[in-house]
C-alpha atoms as a PDB file:
ATOM      1  CA  UNK A   1     114.287  97.354 155.453  1.00  0.00           C
ATOM      2  CA  UNK A   2     117.424  97.208 157.582  1.00  0.00           C
ATOM      3  CA  UNK A   3     120.734  96.046 156.160  1.00  0.00           C
ATOM      4  CA  UNK A   4     120.557  92.958 158.354  1.00  0.00           C
ATOM      5  CA  UNK A   5     117.207  92.043 156.790  1.00  0.00           C
ATOM      6  CA  UNK A   6     118.619  92.090 153.250  1.00  0.00           C
ATOM      7  CA  UNK A   7     119.744  88.625 152.079  1.00  0.00           C
ATOM      8  CA  UNK A   8     123.526  88.279 151.943  1.00  0.00           C
ATOM      9  CA  UNK A   9     123.599  87.464 148.232  1.00  0.00           C
ATOM     10  CA  UNK A  10     121.712  90.718 147.531  1.00  0.00           C
ATOM     11  CA  UNK A  11     124.270  92.716 149.479  1.00  0.00           C
ATOM     12  CA  UNK A  12     127.056  91.137 147.425  1.00  0.00           C
ATOM     13  CA  UNK A  13     125.125  91.788 144.205  1.00  0.00           C
ATOM     14  CA  UNK A  14     124.514  95.427 145.198  1.00  0.00           C
ATOM     15  CA  UNK A  15     128.179  95.948 146.085  1.00  0.00           C
ATOM     16  CA  UNK A  16     129.397  94.583 142.753  1.00  0.00           C
ATOM     17  CA  UNK A  17     126.760  96.512 140.822  1.00  0.00           C
ATOM     18  CA  UNK A  18     127.815  99.727 142.565  1.00  0.00           C
ATOM     19  CA  UNK A  19     131.457  99.115 141.613  1.00  0.00           C
ATOM     20  CA  UNK A  20     130.439  98.704 137.967  1.00  0.00           C
ATOM     21  CA  UNK A  21     128.225 101.801 137.972  1.00  0.00           C
ATOM     22  CA  UNK A  22     130.920 103.858 139.723  1.00  0.00           C
ATOM     23  CA  UNK A  23     133.481 102.890 137.083  1.00  0.00           C
ATOM     24  CA  UNK A  24     135.720 100.739 139.249  1.00  0.00           C
ATOM     25  CA  UNK A  25     135.110  97.948 136.734  1.00  0.00           C
ATOM     26  CA  UNK A  26     134.723  98.804 133.050  1.00  0.00           C
ATOM     27  CA  UNK A  27     133.296  96.892 130.090  1.00  0.00           C
ATOM     28  CA  UNK A  28     135.392  93.775 129.547  1.00  0.00           C
ATOM     29  CA  UNK A  29     137.062  93.902 132.970  1.00  0.00           C
ATOM     30  CA  UNK A  30     137.289  90.634 134.875  1.00  0.00           C
ATOM     31  CA  UNK A  31     135.556  90.603 138.263  1.00  0.00           C
ATOM     32  CA  UNK A  32     137.212  88.987 141.296  1.00  0.00           C
ATOM     33  CA  UNK A  33     137.028  85.200 141.205  1.00  0.00           C
ATOM     34  CA  UNK A  34     134.458  83.262 143.212  1.00  0.00           C
ATOM     35  CA  UNK A  35     137.187  82.328 145.699  1.00  0.00           C
ATOM     36  CA  UNK A  36     138.198  85.968 146.110  1.00  0.00           C
ATOM     37  CA  UNK A  37     134.590  87.025 146.666  1.00  0.00           C
ATOM     38  CA  UNK A  38     134.056  84.222 149.172  1.00  0.00           C
ATOM     39  CA  UNK A  39     137.035  85.514 151.138  1.00  0.00           C
ATOM     40  CA  UNK A  40     136.084  89.184 150.807  1.00  0.00           C
ATOM     41  CA  UNK A  41     132.501  88.764 151.973  1.00  0.00           C
ATOM     42  CA  UNK A  42     133.091  85.759 154.248  1.00  0.00           C
ATOM     43  CA  UNK A  43     130.254  83.724 152.748  1.00  0.00           C
ATOM     44  CA  UNK A  44     129.695  80.337 151.140  1.00  0.00           C
ATOM     45  CA  UNK A  45     130.517  79.827 147.470  1.00  0.00           C
ATOM     46  CA  UNK A  46     126.845  79.185 146.615  1.00  0.00           C
ATOM     47  CA  UNK A  47     125.950  82.604 148.019  1.00  0.00           C
ATOM     48  CA  UNK A  48     128.492  84.239 145.715  1.00  0.00           C
ATOM     49  CA  UNK A  49     127.186  82.251 142.753  1.00  0.00           C
ATOM     50  CA  UNK A  50     123.637  83.395 143.524  1.00  0.00           C
ATOM     51  CA  UNK A  51     124.779  87.033 143.565  1.00  0.00           C
ATOM     52  CA  UNK A  52     126.620  86.618 140.254  1.00  0.00           C
ATOM     53  CA  UNK A  53     123.580  84.932 138.708  1.00  0.00           C
ATOM     54  CA  UNK A  54     121.534  88.012 139.607  1.00  0.00           C
ATOM     55  CA  UNK A  55     124.029  90.254 137.796  1.00  0.00           C
ATOM     56  CA  UNK A  56     123.901  87.970 134.759  1.00  0.00           C
ATOM     57  CA  UNK A  57     120.103  88.280 134.803  1.00  0.00           C
ATOM     58  CA  UNK A  58     120.464  92.071 134.808  1.00  0.00           C
ATOM     59  CA  UNK A  59     122.860  91.826 131.834  1.00  0.00           C
ATOM     60  CA  UNK A  60     125.560  93.586 133.857  1.00  0.00           C
ATOM     61  CA  UNK A  61     128.053  90.721 133.612  1.00  0.00           C
ATOM     62  CA  UNK A  62     128.736  87.666 131.480  1.00  0.00           C
ATOM     63  CA  UNK A  63     130.222  84.451 132.807  1.00  0.00           C
ATOM     64  CA  UNK A  64     132.700  82.320 130.885  1.00  0.00           C
ATOM     65  CA  UNK A  65     133.187  78.739 132.144  1.00  0.00           C
ATOM     66  CA  UNK A  66     136.731  78.262 133.332  1.00  0.00           C
ATOM     67  CA  UNK A  67     137.614  81.928 132.851  1.00  0.00           C
ATOM     68  CA  UNK A  68     135.440  83.916 135.230  1.00  0.00           C
ATOM     69  CA  UNK A  69     132.967  86.815 135.178  1.00  0.00           C
ATOM     70  CA  UNK A  70     133.351  89.924 133.047  1.00  0.00           C
ATOM     71  CA  UNK A  71     131.551  93.264 132.852  1.00  0.00           C
ATOM     72  CA  UNK A  72     129.092  93.152 129.956  1.00  0.00           C
ATOM     73  CA  UNK A  73     128.809  95.897 127.328  1.00  0.00           C
ATOM     74  CA  UNK A  74     126.245  98.513 128.264  1.00  0.00           C
ATOM     75  CA  UNK A  75     122.860  98.131 126.588  1.00  0.00           C
ATOM     76  CA  UNK A  76     122.098 100.915 124.153  1.00  0.00           C
ATOM     77  CA  UNK A  77     118.705  99.680 122.941  1.00  0.00           C
ATOM     78  CA  UNK A  78     116.680 102.218 124.899  1.00  0.00           C
ATOM     79  CA  UNK A  79     113.667 103.836 123.259  1.00  0.00           C
ATOM     80  CA  UNK A  80     111.462 106.654 124.481  1.00  0.00           C
ATOM     81  CA  UNK A  81     107.735 106.074 124.160  1.00  0.00           C
ATOM     82  CA  UNK A  82     105.110 108.773 123.854  1.00  0.00           C
ATOM     83  CA  UNK A  83     102.851 107.585 126.658  1.00  0.00           C
ATOM     84  CA  UNK A  84      99.852 109.383 125.166  1.00  0.00           C
ATOM     85  CA  UNK A  85      99.853 107.013 122.168  1.00  0.00           C
ATOM     86  CA  UNK A  86     101.424 103.841 123.631  1.00  0.00           C
ATOM     87  CA  UNK A  87      98.869 101.248 124.680  1.00  0.00           C
ATOM     88  CA  UNK A  88      99.363  99.206 127.817  1.00  0.00           C
ATOM     89  CA  UNK A  89      99.638  95.429 127.876  1.00  0.00           C
ATOM     90  CA  UNK A  90      96.069  95.250 129.206  1.00  0.00           C
ATOM     91  CA  UNK A  91      94.751  97.531 126.461  1.00  0.00           C
ATOM     92  CA  UNK A  92      96.449  95.499 123.740  1.00  0.00           C
ATOM     93  CA  UNK A  93      95.053  92.238 125.077  1.00  0.00           C
ATOM     94  CA  UNK A  94      91.545  93.690 125.438  1.00  0.00           C
ATOM     95  CA  UNK A  95      91.710  95.024 121.855  1.00  0.00           C
ATOM     96  CA  UNK A  96      92.348  91.444 120.702  1.00  0.00           C
ATOM     97  CA  UNK A  97      89.200  90.261 122.466  1.00  0.00           C
ATOM     98  CA  UNK A  98      91.157  88.553 125.230  1.00  0.00           C
ATOM     99  CA  UNK A  99      90.698  88.941 128.970  1.00  0.00           C
ATOM    100  CA  UNK A 100      93.677  90.281 130.946  1.00  0.00           C
ATOM    101  CA  UNK A 101      93.693  89.939 134.738  1.00  0.00           C
ATOM    102  CA  UNK A 102      96.110  90.699 137.556  1.00  0.00           C
ATOM    103  CA  UNK A 103      96.994  88.885 140.753  1.00  0.00           C
ATOM    104  CA  UNK A 104      98.491  91.082 143.437  1.00  0.00           C
ATOM    105  CA  UNK A 105     101.525  89.541 145.158  1.00  0.00           C
ATOM    106  CA  UNK A 106     102.493  92.570 147.207  1.00  0.00           C
ATOM    107  CA  UNK A 107     102.082  96.327 147.564  1.00  0.00           C
ATOM    108  CA  UNK A 108     104.095  97.777 150.390  1.00  0.00           C
ATOM    109  CA  UNK A 109     106.035 100.802 151.539  1.00  0.00           C
ATOM    110  CA  UNK A 110     109.693  99.944 151.926  1.00  0.00           C
ATOM    111  CA  UNK A 111     113.151 101.483 152.001  1.00  0.00           C
ATOM    112  CA  UNK A 112     114.872 102.041 148.655  1.00  0.00           C
ATOM    113  CA  UNK A 113     117.918  99.863 148.132  1.00  0.00           C
ATOM    114  CA  UNK A 114     120.855 101.693 146.509  1.00  0.00           C
ATOM    115  CA  UNK A 115     120.152 100.547 142.947  1.00  0.00           C
ATOM    116  CA  UNK A 116     116.450 101.423 143.210  1.00  0.00           C
ATOM    117  CA  UNK A 117     117.239 104.798 144.773  1.00  0.00           C
ATOM    118  CA  UNK A 118     119.629 105.565 141.946  1.00  0.00           C
ATOM    119  CA  UNK A 119     117.072 104.771 139.260  1.00  0.00           C
ATOM    120  CA  UNK A 120     114.317 106.767 140.997  1.00  0.00           C
ATOM    121  CA  UNK A 121     116.756 109.592 141.799  1.00  0.00           C
ATOM    122  CA  UNK A 122     115.984 109.519 145.524  1.00  0.00           C
ATOM    123  CA  UNK A 123     118.253 109.048 148.509  1.00  0.00           C
ATOM    124  CA  UNK A 124     119.192 105.452 149.479  1.00  0.00           C
ATOM    125  CA  UNK A 125     116.917 104.300 152.281  1.00  0.00           C
ATOM    126  CA  UNK A 126     114.180 106.759 151.372  1.00  0.00           C
ATOM    127  CA  UNK A 127     110.649 105.348 151.423  1.00  0.00           C
ATOM    128  CA  UNK A 128     109.266 104.022 148.140  1.00  0.00           C
ATOM    129  CA  UNK A 129     106.403 101.698 147.260  1.00  0.00           C
ATOM    130  CA  UNK A 130     107.019  98.269 145.750  1.00  0.00           C
ATOM    131  CA  UNK A 131     104.268  96.758 143.600  1.00  0.00           C
ATOM    132  CA  UNK A 132     104.484  93.117 142.486  1.00  0.00           C
ATOM    133  CA  UNK A 133     101.799  91.379 140.407  1.00  0.00           C
ATOM    134  CA  UNK A 134     101.313  88.411 138.131  1.00  0.00           C
ATOM    135  CA  UNK A 135      99.715  88.967 134.732  1.00  0.00           C
ATOM    136  CA  UNK A 136      97.248  86.538 133.173  1.00  0.00           C
ATOM    137  CA  UNK A 137      95.501  86.467 129.812  1.00  0.00           C
ATOM    138  CA  UNK A 138      92.441  84.219 129.528  1.00  0.00           C
ATOM    139  CA  UNK A 139      93.565  82.655 132.827  1.00  0.00           C
ATOM    140  CA  UNK A 140      96.966  81.746 131.364  1.00  0.00           C
ATOM    141  CA  UNK A 141      99.993  83.017 133.282  1.00  0.00           C
ATOM    142  CA  UNK A 142     101.913  85.437 131.052  1.00  0.00           C
ATOM    143  CA  UNK A 143     104.294  87.413 133.199  1.00  0.00           C
ATOM    144  CA  UNK A 144     105.383  89.178 136.343  1.00  0.00           C
ATOM    145  CA  UNK A 145     105.621  92.896 136.977  1.00  0.00           C
ATOM    146  CA  UNK A 146     107.757  94.482 139.683  1.00  0.00           C
ATOM    147  CA  UNK A 147     107.478  98.265 140.051  1.00  0.00           C
ATOM    148  CA  UNK A 148     108.997 100.786 142.421  1.00  0.00           C
ATOM    149  CA  UNK A 149     107.065 104.039 142.823  1.00  0.00           C
ATOM    150  CA  UNK A 150     108.195 107.243 144.541  1.00  0.00           C
ATOM    151  CA  UNK A 151     106.669 107.736 147.971  1.00  0.00           C
ATOM    152  CA  UNK A 152     104.550 110.810 147.271  1.00  0.00           C
ATOM    153  CA  UNK A 153     102.779 108.973 144.440  1.00  0.00           C
ATOM    154  CA  UNK A 154     102.692 105.471 145.896  1.00  0.00           C
ATOM    155  CA  UNK A 155     101.020 106.540 149.131  1.00  0.00           C
ATOM    156  CA  UNK A 156      98.035 107.808 147.142  1.00  0.00           C
ATOM    157  CA  UNK A 157      97.445 104.478 145.383  1.00  0.00           C
ATOM    158  CA  UNK A 158      94.774 102.321 146.987  1.00  0.00           C
ATOM    159  CA  UNK A 159      95.283  98.611 147.516  1.00  0.00           C
ATOM    160  CA  UNK A 160      92.020  98.003 145.651  1.00  0.00           C
ATOM    161  CA  UNK A 161      93.420  99.847 142.635  1.00  0.00           C
ATOM    162  CA  UNK A 162      96.673  97.924 142.878  1.00  0.00           C
ATOM    163  CA  UNK A 163      94.711  94.700 142.487  1.00  0.00           C
ATOM    164  CA  UNK A 164      92.918  95.575 139.257  1.00  0.00           C
ATOM    165  CA  UNK A 165      94.315  98.612 137.442  1.00  0.00           C
ATOM    166  CA  UNK A 166      97.232  98.856 135.000  1.00  0.00           C
ATOM    167  CA  UNK A 167     100.272 100.577 136.437  1.00  0.00           C
ATOM    168  CA  UNK A 168     100.250 103.608 134.168  1.00  0.00           C
ATOM    169  CA  UNK A 169      96.515 104.132 134.700  1.00  0.00           C
ATOM    170  CA  UNK A 170      97.183 104.059 138.447  1.00  0.00           C
ATOM    171  CA  UNK A 171      99.886 106.694 138.122  1.00  0.00           C
ATOM    172  CA  UNK A 172      97.860 108.959 135.878  1.00  0.00           C
ATOM    173  CA  UNK A 173      94.842 108.761 138.163  1.00  0.00           C
ATOM    174  CA  UNK A 174      96.976 109.858 141.117  1.00  0.00           C
ATOM    175  CA  UNK A 175      98.835 112.538 139.154  1.00  0.00           C
ATOM    176  CA  UNK A 176      95.565 113.728 137.558  1.00  0.00           C
ATOM    177  CA  UNK A 177      97.372 114.145 134.247  1.00  0.00           C
ATOM    178  CA  UNK A 178      99.003 111.916 131.623  1.00  0.00           C
ATOM    179  CA  UNK A 179     102.553 110.743 132.106  1.00  0.00           C
ATOM    180  CA  UNK A 180     104.987 112.750 130.037  1.00  0.00           C
ATOM    181  CA  UNK A 181     107.176 109.898 128.769  1.00  0.00           C
ATOM    182  CA  UNK A 182     108.079 106.295 129.517  1.00  0.00           C
ATOM    183  CA  UNK A 183     111.634 105.168 128.770  1.00  0.00           C
ATOM    184  CA  UNK A 184     111.730 101.469 127.903  1.00  0.00           C
ATOM    185  CA  UNK A 185     114.574  98.974 127.506  1.00  0.00           C
ATOM    186  CA  UNK A 186     113.858  95.454 126.278  1.00  0.00           C
ATOM    187  CA  UNK A 187     116.232  92.526 126.626  1.00  0.00           C
ATOM    188  CA  UNK A 188     116.299  88.761 126.854  1.00  0.00           C
ATOM    189  CA  UNK A 189     117.559  87.071 130.006  1.00  0.00           C
ATOM    190  CA  UNK A 190     117.538  83.785 131.898  1.00  0.00           C
ATOM    191  CA  UNK A 191     115.152  83.294 134.817  1.00  0.00           C
ATOM    192  CA  UNK A 192     116.728  83.099 138.245  1.00  0.00           C
ATOM    193  CA  UNK A 193     115.279  80.803 140.905  1.00  0.00           C
ATOM    194  CA  UNK A 194     112.850  83.355 142.375  1.00  0.00           C
ATOM    195  CA  UNK A 195     111.434  84.505 139.051  1.00  0.00           C
ATOM    196  CA  UNK A 196     111.251  80.940 137.745  1.00  0.00           C
ATOM    197  CA  UNK A 197     109.187  79.895 140.769  1.00  0.00           C
ATOM    198  CA  UNK A 198     106.730  82.764 140.320  1.00  0.00           C
ATOM    199  CA  UNK A 199     106.367  82.235 136.581  1.00  0.00           C
ATOM    200  CA  UNK A 200     106.251  78.440 136.956  1.00  0.00           C
ATOM    201  CA  UNK A 201     109.115  77.831 134.559  1.00  0.00           C
ATOM    202  CA  UNK A 202     112.464  76.136 135.032  1.00  0.00           C
ATOM    203  CA  UNK A 203     115.414  78.050 136.401  1.00  0.00           C
ATOM    204  CA  UNK A 204     117.505  79.378 133.515  1.00  0.00           C
ATOM    205  CA  UNK A 205     114.561  79.391 131.086  1.00  0.00           C
ATOM    206  CA  UNK A 206     114.471  82.330 128.634  1.00  0.00           C
ATOM    207  CA  UNK A 207     112.433  85.369 129.607  1.00  0.00           C
ATOM    208  CA  UNK A 208     111.725  88.734 127.975  1.00  0.00           C
ATOM    209  CA  UNK A 209     112.253  91.739 130.221  1.00  0.00           C
ATOM    210  CA  UNK A 210     110.876  95.242 129.677  1.00  0.00           C
ATOM    211  CA  UNK A 211     112.452  97.845 131.939  1.00  0.00           C
ATOM    212  CA  UNK A 212     110.434 101.040 132.464  1.00  0.00           C
ATOM    213  CA  UNK A 213     111.187 104.512 133.789  1.00  0.00           C
ATOM    214  CA  UNK A 214     108.135 106.803 133.873  1.00  0.00           C
ATOM    215  CA  UNK A 215     108.308 110.603 134.082  1.00  0.00           C
ATOM    216  CA  UNK A 216     105.580 113.059 135.019  1.00  0.00           C
ATOM    217  CA  UNK A 217     104.859 116.370 133.260  1.00  0.00           C
ATOM    218  CA  UNK A 218     107.659 118.071 135.203  1.00  0.00           C
ATOM    219  CA  UNK A 219     110.149 115.441 134.028  1.00  0.00           C
ATOM    220  CA  UNK A 220     110.401 113.886 137.487  1.00  0.00           C
ATOM    221  CA  UNK A 221     110.884 110.130 137.700  1.00  0.00           C
ATOM    222  CA  UNK A 222     107.863 108.572 139.399  1.00  0.00           C
ATOM    223  CA  UNK A 223     108.382 104.881 138.598  1.00  0.00           C
ATOM    224  CA  UNK A 224     111.115 102.369 137.857  1.00  0.00           C
ATOM    225  CA  UNK A 225     110.375  98.702 137.269  1.00  0.00           C
ATOM    226  CA  UNK A 226     110.231  95.609 135.118  1.00  0.00           C
ATOM    227  CA  UNK A 227     107.673  93.574 133.219  1.00  0.00           C
ATOM    228  CA  UNK A 228     108.961  90.018 132.859  1.00  0.00           C
ATOM    229  CA  UNK A 229     107.345  87.656 130.343  1.00  0.00           C
ATOM    230  CA  UNK A 230     107.626  83.910 129.990  1.00  0.00           C
ATOM    231  CA  UNK A 231     109.644  83.020 126.913  1.00  0.00           C
ATOM    232  CA  UNK A 232     107.636  79.887 126.121  1.00  0.00           C
ATOM    233  CA  UNK A 233     104.424  81.751 125.249  1.00  0.00           C
ATOM    234  CA  UNK A 234     103.371  83.386 122.028  1.00  0.00           C
ATOM    235  CA  UNK A 235     103.186  87.058 122.841  1.00  0.00           C
ATOM    236  CA  UNK A 236     103.672  90.051 120.588  1.00  0.00           C
ATOM    237  CA  UNK A 237     103.895  93.586 121.930  1.00  0.00           C
ATOM    238  CA  UNK A 238     103.226  96.111 119.174  1.00  0.00           C
ATOM    239  CA  UNK A 239     104.571  99.653 119.100  1.00  0.00           C
ATOM    240  CA  UNK A 240     102.884 102.086 116.741  1.00  0.00           C
ATOM    241  CA  UNK A 241     104.450 105.408 115.868  1.00  0.00           C
ATOM    242  CA  UNK A 242     101.939 108.025 114.794  1.00  0.00           C
ATOM    243  CA  UNK A 243     102.740 109.935 111.602  1.00  0.00           C
ATOM    244  CA  UNK A 244     103.954 113.464 112.228  1.00  0.00           C
ATOM    245  CA  UNK A 245     102.161 116.349 110.558  1.00  0.00           C
END
C-alpha cells in the first residue's frame, strides 16, 4: 500500500503514535490541540478528531472535554499463555455444545504500516498478510478478528483454510509444530465507526479487545492481531492454568 493510498486520518494517527512510542510524549503529557494538528497536517478538524478517536480506541490517549488529549498510562495487564494448554475461542464454544463459524472479510498480502511492522519486528513496508474475519456462535454475531501474519507464514496459508480454520490452528499447520507462546493483553474500549459498522453496534459502544502476539518455537514473532468482541453479549473466556508437578 502506498502512502498516498493510506487514509489521511490514519497517517495522522500513525504519526502521533510514533511520537508516543519514541518518547517524544510521555504518560500524562498533553498532545497538541485539535487546532494545532489541523494546522500541522493541513486537514479538516473532523479528520483530526477521527485520528484521535483511533488513539483513544487503542488506549494510547485519553481525552478530557475542554482540556485536550493526554498520553494514557501504559497497560501492564499482559499475560503469557502456554499455547499448548490454552483453548481457542472455537474450541471453547464447541466444548459448550455450541456451533462456532467464521465469515471471511479479507485475506490479502499487503505492506506493513509502521505500527504493524514494529509489533511483528519486520521492516516498515515489508510484505505481511492481513486476515480479517467475523466470528459467529449459533449464527449470532460475536466478534471481529484482525490478524497480521509474517510473510513467510502467511503465504503458505490457503484461502480455503482462512475461511474455516481458527488462526492458531492455521499457524501450527503451516509451521508443522505447536506455537511456543501467545502473549495476550485484554482491555475494554469504545467502538470506532468502522468496527461498529462491522459488529452492527452503535459507534462508541463498549467492546472487549484481546491483543495477541504469537511466537514460534524459535521465539520469532509470527502474528500480531486483535480479537474484538461485542460488549452487549454474554461471553465468558476461561483461562485454565494446569497444576505444576
